[in-house]
Amino acid sequence: MLLVDADVSAGDLAMACQRLRGLVGSYPDQLELRERLAQLYRLQRNQVQAGRWDYLAADPDPADIAAFEKATPSPLHRMRALAWAANPDAAPTPAARERLATVLGQARRGTGDAELTYAHLRAPSWTPVPDTTSDRILRVLIMSLLIGILLLFLIGVLDGIRIVWSWIA
């Protein structure tokens, strides 16, 4: 932290942020590191990153949180951005546990993966199967098209049978 303080004193906020991000990566459960990083991003007037790193704080700035959520509307991407590595129950505060659990629940609904965890996002072999509204609409349109083609085929077959019957009768 001494190097971060020295970077801030020297006005090198970018380096201070880089150092703190490394620390958050190593100690993701240390909320004070995240909150300090959010403060540095606020000094740089970067609301999205301030909201990202303050997301688990007990009393985050609502404007920062809104900016982060707007920038990452997908709960799955929000989970990745939060860089949490454990079960939400492992978070040190009730507010952090609640927010982590909420995002996890939204991501599970969005992907259809009821077993999704924050640890999955760190596993290179895991790939989500997104189930977005646009995917559902596309599936409905394709199914409607296939049903329409099938109905036209059946109408053609029935019309052919009617014609053949008229020749025989």
N, C-alpha and C. Protein backbone atom coordinates (compact mmCIF):
# COMPACT_ATOMS: atom_id res chain seq x y z
N MET A 1 0.83 -1.19 0.00
CA MET A 1 0.00 0.00 0.00
C MET A 1 0.87 1.26 0.00
N LEU A 2 2.09 1.13 0.50
CA LEU A 2 2.98 2.29 0.52
C LEU A 2 3.28 2.76 -0.90
N LEU A 3 3.45 1.81 -1.83
CA LEU A 3 3.70 2.20 -3.22
C LEU A 3 2.48 2.89 -3.83
N VAL A 4 1.29 2.42 -3.49
CA VAL A 4 0.07 3.06 -3.97
C VAL A 4 -0.01 4.48 -3.45
N ASP A 5 0.25 4.66 -2.16
CA ASP A 5 0.24 6.00 -1.57
C ASP A 5 1.27 6.91 -2.24
N ALA A 6 2.46 6.36 -2.52
CA ALA A 6 3.50 7.14 -3.19
C ALA A 6 3.07 7.53 -4.60
N ASP A 7 2.42 6.61 -5.30
CA ASP A 7 1.93 6.92 -6.65
C ASP A 7 0.88 8.03 -6.61
N VAL A 8 -0.02 7.96 -5.64
CA VAL A 8 -1.06 8.98 -5.51
C VAL A 8 -0.41 10.33 -5.18
N SER A 9 0.55 10.33 -4.26
CA SER A 9 1.24 11.57 -3.89
C SER A 9 1.96 12.17 -5.09
N ALA A 10 2.49 11.31 -5.96
CA ALA A 10 3.19 11.79 -7.14
C ALA A 10 2.23 12.15 -8.27
N GLY A 11 0.94 11.93 -8.05
CA GLY A 11 -0.06 12.25 -9.07
C GLY A 11 -0.20 11.19 -10.15
N ASP A 12 0.39 10.03 -9.94
CA ASP A 12 0.31 8.95 -10.93
C ASP A 12 -0.83 8.01 -10.55
N LEU A 13 -2.05 8.47 -10.78
CA LEU A 13 -3.22 7.70 -10.40
C LEU A 13 -3.35 6.41 -11.22
N ALA A 14 -2.91 6.45 -12.47
CA ALA A 14 -2.99 5.24 -13.30
C ALA A 14 -2.13 4.12 -12.71
N MET A 15 -0.93 4.45 -12.27
CA MET A 15 -0.07 3.44 -11.67
C MET A 15 -0.65 2.96 -10.34
N ALA A 16 -1.20 3.88 -9.57
CA ALA A 16 -1.82 3.50 -8.30
C ALA A 16 -2.97 2.53 -8.54
N CYS A 17 -3.79 2.82 -9.57
CA CYS A 17 -4.91 1.92 -9.90
C CYS A 17 -4.39 0.56 -10.34
N GLN A 18 -3.34 0.57 -11.14
CA GLN A 18 -2.78 -0.70 -11.61
C GLN A 18 -2.28 -1.54 -10.44
N ARG A 19 -1.61 -0.90 -9.51
CA ARG A 19 -1.12 -1.64 -8.34
C ARG A 19 -2.28 -2.19 -7.51
N LEU A 20 -3.30 -1.35 -7.31
CA LEU A 20 -4.45 -1.80 -6.51
C LEU A 20 -5.22 -2.91 -7.21
N ARG A 21 -5.32 -2.84 -8.53
CA ARG A 21 -6.02 -3.92 -9.24
C ARG A 21 -5.27 -5.23 -9.07
N GLY A 22 -3.95 -5.17 -9.06
CA GLY A 22 -3.17 -6.37 -8.80
C GLY A 22 -3.43 -6.91 -7.40
N LEU A 23 -3.53 -6.01 -6.44
CA LEU A 23 -3.81 -6.44 -5.07
C LEU A 23 -5.22 -7.03 -4.95
N VAL A 24 -6.19 -6.41 -5.62
CA VAL A 24 -7.55 -6.94 -5.59
C VAL A 24 -7.58 -8.32 -6.24
N GLY A 25 -6.80 -8.51 -7.30
CA GLY A 25 -6.72 -9.82 -7.94
C GLY A 25 -6.18 -10.88 -7.00
N SER A 26 -5.21 -10.47 -6.17
CA SER A 26 -4.62 -11.41 -5.22
C SER A 26 -5.47 -11.60 -3.98
N TYR A 27 -6.18 -10.55 -3.58
CA TYR A 27 -7.00 -10.59 -2.36
C TYR A 27 -8.42 -10.07 -2.67
N PRO A 28 -9.19 -10.83 -3.47
CA PRO A 28 -10.50 -10.34 -3.90
C PRO A 28 -11.50 -10.13 -2.76
N ASP A 29 -11.28 -10.77 -1.62
CA ASP A 29 -12.21 -10.64 -0.50
C ASP A 29 -11.90 -9.44 0.39
N GLN A 30 -10.84 -8.70 0.11
CA GLN A 30 -10.48 -7.52 0.90
C GLN A 30 -11.24 -6.30 0.35
N LEU A 31 -12.40 -6.04 0.90
CA LEU A 31 -13.26 -4.98 0.38
C LEU A 31 -12.64 -3.60 0.51
N GLU A 32 -11.77 -3.40 1.49
CA GLU A 32 -11.14 -2.09 1.64
C GLU A 32 -10.23 -1.78 0.44
N LEU A 33 -9.62 -2.80 -0.15
CA LEU A 33 -8.82 -2.59 -1.36
C LEU A 33 -9.71 -2.16 -2.52
N ARG A 34 -10.86 -2.81 -2.65
CA ARG A 34 -11.81 -2.45 -3.70
C ARG A 34 -12.31 -1.01 -3.51
N GLU A 35 -12.62 -0.66 -2.28
CA GLU A 35 -13.14 0.68 -2.01
C GLU A 35 -12.07 1.74 -2.27
N ARG A 36 -10.84 1.44 -1.95
CA ARG A 36 -9.74 2.38 -2.24
C ARG A 36 -9.57 2.55 -3.74
N LEU A 37 -9.69 1.45 -4.47
CA LEU A 37 -9.59 1.50 -5.93
C LEU A 37 -10.75 2.34 -6.50
N ALA A 38 -11.93 2.17 -5.95
CA ALA A 38 -13.07 2.98 -6.39
C ALA A 38 -12.81 4.46 -6.15
N GLN A 39 -12.21 4.80 -5.01
CA GLN A 39 -11.88 6.21 -4.72
C GLN A 39 -10.93 6.77 -5.77
N LEU A 40 -9.94 5.99 -6.16
CA LEU A 40 -8.99 6.45 -7.16
C LEU A 40 -9.67 6.67 -8.52
N TYR A 41 -10.58 5.77 -8.87
CA TYR A 41 -11.30 5.95 -10.13
C TYR A 41 -12.23 7.16 -10.06
N ARG A 42 -12.79 7.43 -8.88
CA ARG A 42 -13.60 8.63 -8.72
C ARG A 42 -12.77 9.89 -8.95
N LEU A 43 -11.54 9.87 -8.46
CA LEU A 43 -10.64 11.01 -8.68
C LEU A 43 -10.37 11.22 -10.17
N GLN A 44 -10.41 10.13 -10.92
CA GLN A 44 -10.20 10.20 -12.37
C GLN A 44 -11.52 10.45 -13.11
N ARG A 45 -12.60 10.58 -12.36
CA ARG A 45 -13.94 10.79 -12.91
C ARG A 45 -14.41 9.63 -13.80
N ASN A 46 -14.03 8.43 -13.41
CA ASN A 46 -14.43 7.23 -14.13
C ASN A 46 -15.49 6.52 -13.30
N GLN A 47 -16.75 6.90 -13.54
CA GLN A 47 -17.85 6.35 -12.74
C GLN A 47 -18.04 4.86 -12.94
N VAL A 48 -17.82 4.37 -14.16
CA VAL A 48 -18.04 2.95 -14.42
C VAL A 48 -17.10 2.11 -13.56
N GLN A 49 -15.80 2.45 -13.58
CA GLN A 49 -14.85 1.69 -12.78
C GLN A 49 -15.04 1.93 -11.28
N ALA A 50 -15.41 3.15 -10.92
CA ALA A 50 -15.69 3.42 -9.50
C ALA A 50 -16.85 2.56 -9.02
N GLY A 51 -17.89 2.44 -9.84
CA GLY A 51 -19.02 1.59 -9.49
C GLY A 51 -18.66 0.12 -9.45
N ARG A 52 -17.79 -0.27 -10.37
CA ARG A 52 -17.36 -1.67 -10.41
C ARG A 52 -16.66 -2.05 -9.11
N TRP A 53 -15.74 -1.22 -8.68
CA TRP A 53 -14.95 -1.60 -7.51
C TRP A 53 -15.62 -1.25 -6.19
N ASP A 54 -16.65 -0.42 -6.25
CA ASP A 54 -17.41 -0.07 -5.04
C ASP A 54 -18.69 -0.88 -4.93
N TYR A 55 -18.93 -1.78 -5.88
CA TYR A 55 -20.18 -2.52 -5.98
C TYR A 55 -20.47 -3.33 -4.72
N LEU A 56 -19.45 -3.80 -4.05
CA LEU A 56 -19.64 -4.65 -2.88
C LEU A 56 -19.56 -3.87 -1.57
N ALA A 57 -19.39 -2.56 -1.65
CA ALA A 57 -19.28 -1.72 -0.45
C ALA A 57 -20.62 -1.65 0.27
N ALA A 58 -20.56 -1.34 1.54
CA ALA A 58 -21.79 -1.22 2.35
C ALA A 58 -22.63 -0.04 1.90
N ASP A 59 -22.00 1.04 1.49
CA ASP A 59 -22.73 2.24 1.09
C ASP A 59 -22.13 2.84 -0.18
N PRO A 60 -22.31 2.17 -1.33
CA PRO A 60 -21.72 2.67 -2.57
C PRO A 60 -22.47 3.89 -3.10
N ASP A 61 -21.80 4.64 -3.95
CA ASP A 61 -22.42 5.80 -4.59
C ASP A 61 -23.41 5.29 -5.63
N PRO A 62 -24.70 5.62 -5.50
CA PRO A 62 -25.71 5.10 -6.44
C PRO A 62 -25.43 5.48 -7.90
N ALA A 63 -24.86 6.66 -8.14
CA ALA A 63 -24.56 7.07 -9.51
C ALA A 63 -23.45 6.19 -10.10
N ASP A 64 -22.47 5.85 -9.28
CA ASP A 64 -21.39 4.98 -9.75
C ASP A 64 -21.93 3.58 -10.05
N ILE A 65 -22.77 3.08 -9.16
CA ILE A 65 -23.35 1.74 -9.36
C ILE A 65 -24.19 1.73 -10.63
N ALA A 66 -24.99 2.76 -10.83
CA ALA A 66 -25.82 2.85 -12.04
C ALA A 66 -24.96 2.89 -13.29
N ALA A 67 -23.86 3.62 -13.26
CA ALA A 67 -22.96 3.69 -14.41
C ALA A 67 -22.35 2.33 -14.71
N PHE A 68 -21.94 1.62 -13.66
CA PHE A 68 -21.36 0.28 -13.84
C PHE A 68 -22.40 -0.68 -14.40
N GLU A 69 -23.61 -0.66 -13.86
CA GLU A 69 -24.66 -1.57 -14.33
C GLU A 69 -25.07 -1.26 -15.76
N LYS A 70 -25.07 0.01 -16.11
CA LYS A 70 -25.39 0.39 -17.49
C LYS A 70 -24.30 -0.08 -18.44
N ALA A 71 -23.05 0.01 -18.01
CA ALA A 71 -21.93 -0.42 -18.85
C ALA A 71 -21.83 -1.94 -18.96
N THR A 72 -22.35 -2.66 -17.97
CA THR A 72 -22.32 -4.12 -17.98
C THR A 72 -23.74 -4.65 -17.72
N PRO A 73 -24.62 -4.53 -18.71
CA PRO A 73 -26.01 -4.96 -18.48
C PRO A 73 -26.17 -6.47 -18.30
N SER A 74 -25.23 -7.24 -18.82
CA SER A 74 -25.31 -8.70 -18.66
C SER A 74 -24.82 -9.09 -17.27
N PRO A 75 -25.65 -9.79 -16.49
CA PRO A 75 -25.20 -10.23 -15.16
C PRO A 75 -23.95 -11.12 -15.23
N LEU A 76 -23.82 -11.91 -16.29
CA LEU A 76 -22.64 -12.75 -16.43
C LEU A 76 -21.39 -11.89 -16.58
N HIS A 77 -21.47 -10.86 -17.40
CA HIS A 77 -20.33 -9.96 -17.55
C HIS A 77 -20.07 -9.17 -16.27
N ARG A 78 -21.15 -8.85 -15.57
CA ARG A 78 -20.98 -8.16 -14.29
C ARG A 78 -20.27 -9.06 -13.29
N MET A 79 -20.62 -10.35 -13.28
CA MET A 79 -19.93 -11.30 -12.41
C MET A 79 -18.44 -11.32 -12.71
N ARG A 80 -18.11 -11.39 -14.00
CA ARG A 80 -16.69 -11.41 -14.39
C ARG A 80 -16.00 -10.13 -13.96
N ALA A 81 -16.67 -8.99 -14.17
CA ALA A 81 -16.07 -7.70 -13.85
C ALA A 81 -15.82 -7.56 -12.35
N LEU A 82 -16.67 -8.16 -11.54
CA LEU A 82 -16.49 -8.05 -10.09
C LEU A 82 -15.28 -8.84 -9.59
N ALA A 83 -14.80 -9.77 -10.40
CA ALA A 83 -13.59 -10.52 -10.07
C ALA A 83 -13.66 -11.17 -8.69
N TRP A 84 -14.80 -11.72 -8.38
CA TRP A 84 -14.97 -12.45 -7.12
C TRP A 84 -14.66 -13.90 -7.40
N ALA A 85 -13.97 -14.57 -6.51
CA ALA A 85 -13.51 -15.93 -6.79
C ALA A 85 -14.20 -17.00 -5.95
N ALA A 86 -15.01 -16.61 -5.02
CA ALA A 86 -15.57 -17.59 -4.09
C ALA A 86 -17.10 -17.55 -4.10
N ASN A 87 -17.67 -18.32 -3.23
CA ASN A 87 -19.10 -18.32 -3.01
C ASN A 87 -19.51 -16.97 -2.41
N PRO A 88 -20.65 -16.42 -2.80
CA PRO A 88 -21.08 -15.15 -2.20
C PRO A 88 -21.15 -15.18 -0.68
N ASP A 89 -21.41 -16.35 -0.11
CA ASP A 89 -21.47 -16.46 1.35
C ASP A 89 -20.13 -16.17 2.02
N ALA A 90 -19.05 -16.22 1.24
CA ALA A 90 -17.72 -15.96 1.80
C ALA A 90 -17.40 -14.47 1.90
N ALA A 91 -18.28 -13.63 1.36
CA ALA A 91 -18.04 -12.18 1.42
C ALA A 91 -18.10 -11.72 2.88
N PRO A 92 -17.28 -10.73 3.22
CA PRO A 92 -17.17 -10.34 4.62
C PRO A 92 -18.32 -9.49 5.17
N THR A 93 -19.16 -8.95 4.31
CA THR A 93 -20.26 -8.11 4.82
C THR A 93 -21.59 -8.57 4.25
N PRO A 94 -22.69 -8.28 4.95
CA PRO A 94 -24.01 -8.64 4.44
C PRO A 94 -24.31 -7.96 3.10
N ALA A 95 -23.92 -6.71 2.93
CA ALA A 95 -24.19 -6.00 1.68
C ALA A 95 -23.48 -6.68 0.51
N ALA A 96 -22.24 -7.06 0.71
CA ALA A 96 -21.48 -7.73 -0.35
C ALA A 96 -22.09 -9.09 -0.66
N ARG A 97 -22.47 -9.84 0.37
CA ARG A 97 -23.09 -11.15 0.15
C ARG A 97 -24.37 -11.00 -0.65
N GLU A 98 -25.17 -10.01 -0.29
CA GLU A 98 -26.45 -9.80 -0.98
C GLU A 98 -26.24 -9.43 -2.45
N ARG A 99 -25.33 -8.50 -2.72
CA ARG A 99 -25.10 -8.08 -4.11
C ARG A 99 -24.52 -9.21 -4.95
N LEU A 100 -23.56 -9.94 -4.38
CA LEU A 100 -22.97 -11.06 -5.12
C LEU A 100 -24.02 -12.13 -5.41
N ALA A 101 -24.86 -12.43 -4.43
CA ALA A 101 -25.90 -13.44 -4.62
C ALA A 101 -26.92 -12.98 -5.65
N THR A 102 -27.27 -11.70 -5.64
CA THR A 102 -28.24 -11.17 -6.61
C THR A 102 -27.71 -11.30 -8.03
N VAL A 103 -26.47 -10.87 -8.25
CA VAL A 103 -25.88 -10.95 -9.59
C VAL A 103 -25.77 -12.42 -10.02
N LEU A 104 -25.38 -13.29 -9.10
CA LEU A 104 -25.28 -14.72 -9.41
C LEU A 104 -26.63 -15.28 -9.82
N GLY A 105 -27.68 -14.93 -9.08
CA GLY A 105 -29.03 -15.40 -9.42
C GLY A 105 -29.46 -14.91 -10.79
N GLN A 106 -29.18 -13.65 -11.09
CA GLN A 106 -29.54 -13.10 -12.41
C GLN A 106 -28.77 -13.82 -13.52
N ALA A 107 -27.50 -14.09 -13.28
CA ALA A 107 -26.68 -14.77 -14.29
C ALA A 107 -27.15 -16.21 -14.49
N ARG A 108 -27.54 -16.86 -13.41
CA ARG A 108 -28.05 -18.24 -13.54
C ARG A 108 -29.32 -18.26 -14.39
N ARG A 109 -30.21 -17.31 -14.13
CA ARG A 109 -31.44 -17.24 -14.93
C ARG A 109 -31.11 -16.91 -16.38
N GLY A 110 -30.17 -16.01 -16.60
CA GLY A 110 -29.82 -15.59 -17.96
C GLY A 110 -29.13 -16.66 -18.78
N THR A 111 -28.35 -17.52 -18.13
CA THR A 111 -27.63 -18.57 -18.86
C THR A 111 -28.37 -19.89 -18.83
N GLY A 112 -29.32 -20.02 -17.93
CA GLY A 112 -30.00 -21.31 -17.77
C GLY A 112 -29.15 -22.34 -17.06
N ASP A 113 -28.05 -21.89 -16.46
CA ASP A 113 -27.12 -22.79 -15.76
C ASP A 113 -27.33 -22.64 -14.26
N ALA A 114 -28.14 -23.51 -13.69
CA ALA A 114 -28.46 -23.42 -12.26
C ALA A 114 -27.26 -23.72 -11.38
N GLU A 115 -26.22 -24.32 -11.95
CA GLU A 115 -25.03 -24.69 -11.17
C GLU A 115 -23.91 -23.64 -11.28
N LEU A 116 -24.15 -22.56 -12.00
CA LEU A 116 -23.14 -21.52 -12.20
C LEU A 116 -22.65 -20.96 -10.86
N THR A 117 -21.34 -20.78 -10.74
CA THR A 117 -20.75 -20.17 -9.56
C THR A 117 -19.71 -19.15 -10.02
N TYR A 118 -19.24 -18.33 -9.10
CA TYR A 118 -18.18 -17.38 -9.43
C TYR A 118 -16.90 -18.12 -9.81
N ALA A 119 -16.67 -19.28 -9.23
CA ALA A 119 -15.47 -20.06 -9.55
C ALA A 119 -15.49 -20.54 -11.00
N HIS A 120 -16.69 -20.79 -11.57
CA HIS A 120 -16.77 -21.21 -12.97
C HIS A 120 -16.11 -20.20 -13.91
N LEU A 121 -16.24 -18.94 -13.57
CA LEU A 121 -15.73 -17.90 -14.46
C LEU A 121 -14.21 -17.91 -14.54
N ARG A 122 -13.57 -18.51 -13.56
CA ARG A 122 -12.11 -18.60 -13.57
C ARG A 122 -11.62 -19.87 -14.26
N ALA A 123 -12.53 -20.82 -14.49
CA ALA A 123 -12.15 -22.08 -15.14
C ALA A 123 -12.13 -21.88 -16.65
N PRO A 124 -10.99 -22.16 -17.30
CA PRO A 124 -10.90 -21.93 -18.74
C PRO A 124 -11.81 -22.83 -19.56
N SER A 125 -12.22 -23.95 -19.01
CA SER A 125 -13.05 -24.88 -19.78
C SER A 125 -14.54 -24.54 -19.75
N TRP A 126 -14.95 -23.63 -18.87
CA TRP A 126 -16.37 -23.32 -18.76
C TRP A 126 -16.76 -22.27 -19.77
N THR A 127 -17.81 -22.54 -20.51
CA THR A 127 -18.36 -21.54 -21.42
C THR A 127 -19.85 -21.47 -21.19
N PRO A 128 -20.37 -20.27 -21.05
CA PRO A 128 -21.80 -20.12 -20.80
C PRO A 128 -22.62 -20.38 -22.06
N VAL A 129 -23.83 -20.81 -21.84
CA VAL A 129 -24.79 -20.92 -22.93
C VAL A 129 -25.81 -19.83 -22.68
N PRO A 130 -25.61 -18.66 -23.29
CA PRO A 130 -26.52 -17.55 -23.00
C PRO A 130 -27.92 -17.83 -23.50
N ASP A 131 -28.86 -17.38 -22.75
CA ASP A 131 -30.27 -17.52 -23.10
C ASP A 131 -30.90 -16.15 -22.99
N THR A 132 -30.58 -15.30 -23.93
CA THR A 132 -31.08 -13.94 -23.89
C THR A 132 -32.44 -13.85 -24.54
N THR A 133 -33.08 -12.75 -24.37
CA THR A 133 -34.40 -12.53 -24.97
C THR A 133 -34.31 -12.63 -26.48
N SER A 134 -33.26 -12.07 -27.08
CA SER A 134 -33.12 -12.14 -28.53
C SER A 134 -32.95 -13.58 -29.00
N ASP A 135 -32.27 -14.42 -28.21
CA ASP A 135 -32.14 -15.83 -28.56
C ASP A 135 -33.49 -16.52 -28.54
N ARG A 136 -34.29 -16.21 -27.54
CA ARG A 136 -35.63 -16.81 -27.45
C ARG A 136 -36.51 -16.36 -28.62
N ILE A 137 -36.44 -15.10 -28.96
CA ILE A 137 -37.23 -14.58 -30.07
C ILE A 137 -36.81 -15.26 -31.36
N LEU A 138 -35.51 -15.41 -31.57
CA LEU A 138 -35.01 -16.09 -32.77
C LEU A 138 -35.51 -17.52 -32.83
N ARG A 139 -35.47 -18.23 -31.70
CA ARG A 139 -35.96 -19.62 -31.68
C ARG A 139 -37.44 -19.68 -32.01
N VAL A 140 -38.23 -18.75 -31.48
CA VAL A 140 -39.67 -18.72 -31.77
C VAL A 140 -39.90 -18.46 -33.26
N LEU A 141 -39.15 -17.54 -33.82
CA LEU A 141 -39.31 -17.24 -35.25
C LEU A 141 -38.93 -18.44 -36.11
N ILE A 142 -37.86 -19.11 -35.79
CA ILE A 142 -37.44 -20.29 -36.56
C ILE A 142 -38.49 -21.39 -36.44
N MET A 143 -38.98 -21.62 -35.22
CA MET A 143 -40.02 -22.65 -35.04
C MET A 143 -41.28 -22.29 -35.81
N SER A 144 -41.66 -21.01 -35.80
CA SER A 144 -42.85 -20.57 -36.54
C SER A 144 -42.65 -20.80 -38.03
N LEU A 145 -41.48 -20.49 -38.53
CA LEU A 145 -41.18 -20.70 -39.95
C LEU A 145 -41.26 -22.18 -40.30
N LEU A 146 -40.68 -23.04 -39.46
CA LEU A 146 -40.73 -24.48 -39.72
C LEU A 146 -42.16 -25.02 -39.68
N ILE A 147 -42.94 -24.55 -38.75
CA ILE A 147 -44.34 -24.97 -38.67
C ILE A 147 -45.10 -24.51 -39.89
N GLY A 148 -44.84 -23.28 -40.33
CA GLY A 148 -45.48 -22.75 -41.54
C GLY A 148 -45.13 -23.58 -42.76
N ILE A 149 -43.86 -23.94 -42.91
CA ILE A 149 -43.43 -24.77 -44.05
C ILE A 149 -44.11 -26.13 -43.98
N LEU A 150 -44.17 -26.71 -42.79
CA LEU A 150 -44.82 -28.01 -42.62
C LEU A 150 -46.31 -27.92 -42.99
N LEU A 151 -46.98 -26.87 -42.58
CA LEU A 151 -48.40 -26.69 -42.92
C LEU A 151 -48.59 -26.55 -44.42
N LEU A 152 -47.73 -25.77 -45.07
CA LEU A 152 -47.83 -25.64 -46.53
C LEU A 152 -47.61 -26.99 -47.22
N PHE A 153 -46.66 -27.76 -46.71
CA PHE A 153 -46.41 -29.08 -47.26
C PHE A 153 -47.65 -29.97 -47.10
N LEU A 154 -48.23 -29.95 -45.92
CA LEU A 154 -49.43 -30.77 -45.68
C LEU A 154 -50.60 -30.32 -46.55
N ILE A 155 -50.76 -29.02 -46.73
CA ILE A 155 -51.82 -28.52 -47.61
C ILE A 155 -51.59 -29.01 -49.03
N GLY A 156 -50.31 -28.98 -49.47
CA GLY A 156 -49.98 -29.46 -50.81
C GLY A 156 -50.28 -30.94 -50.97
N VAL A 157 -49.94 -31.72 -49.95
CA VAL A 157 -50.20 -33.16 -50.01
C VAL A 157 -51.70 -33.42 -50.05
N LEU A 158 -52.46 -32.74 -49.21
CA LEU A 158 -53.92 -32.92 -49.20
C LEU A 158 -54.54 -32.48 -50.52
N ASP A 159 -54.03 -31.40 -51.09
CA ASP A 159 -54.54 -30.94 -52.39
C ASP A 159 -54.22 -31.96 -53.47
N GLY A 160 -53.02 -32.55 -53.41
CA GLY A 160 -52.65 -33.60 -54.37
C GLY A 160 -53.55 -34.81 -54.24
N ILE A 161 -53.85 -35.19 -53.01
CA ILE A 161 -54.75 -36.33 -52.78
C ILE A 161 -56.13 -36.00 -53.34
N ARG A 162 -56.60 -34.77 -53.14
CA ARG A 162 -57.92 -34.37 -53.66
C ARG A 162 -57.94 -34.45 -55.19
N ILE A 163 -56.87 -34.01 -55.84
CA ILE A 163 -56.81 -34.04 -57.31
C ILE A 163 -56.80 -35.48 -57.80
N VAL A 164 -55.96 -36.32 -57.20
CA VAL A 164 -55.89 -37.72 -57.60
C VAL A 164 -57.23 -38.38 -57.37
N TRP A 165 -57.91 -38.10 -56.29
CA TRP A 165 -59.23 -38.67 -56.00
C TRP A 165 -60.25 -38.25 -57.05
N SER A 166 -60.13 -36.97 -57.49
CA SER A 166 -61.09 -36.52 -58.52
C SER A 166 -60.85 -37.24 -59.86
N TRP A 167 -59.63 -37.65 -60.14
CA TRP A 167 -59.36 -38.39 -61.38
C TRP A 167 -59.93 -39.80 -61.30
N ILE A 168 -59.80 -40.38 -60.08
CA ILE A 168 -60.26 -41.76 -59.92
C ILE A 168 -61.79 -41.81 -59.90
N ALA A 169 -62.40 -40.88 -59.27
CA ALA A 169 -63.85 -40.94 -59.09
C ALA A 169 -64.60 -40.45 -60.25
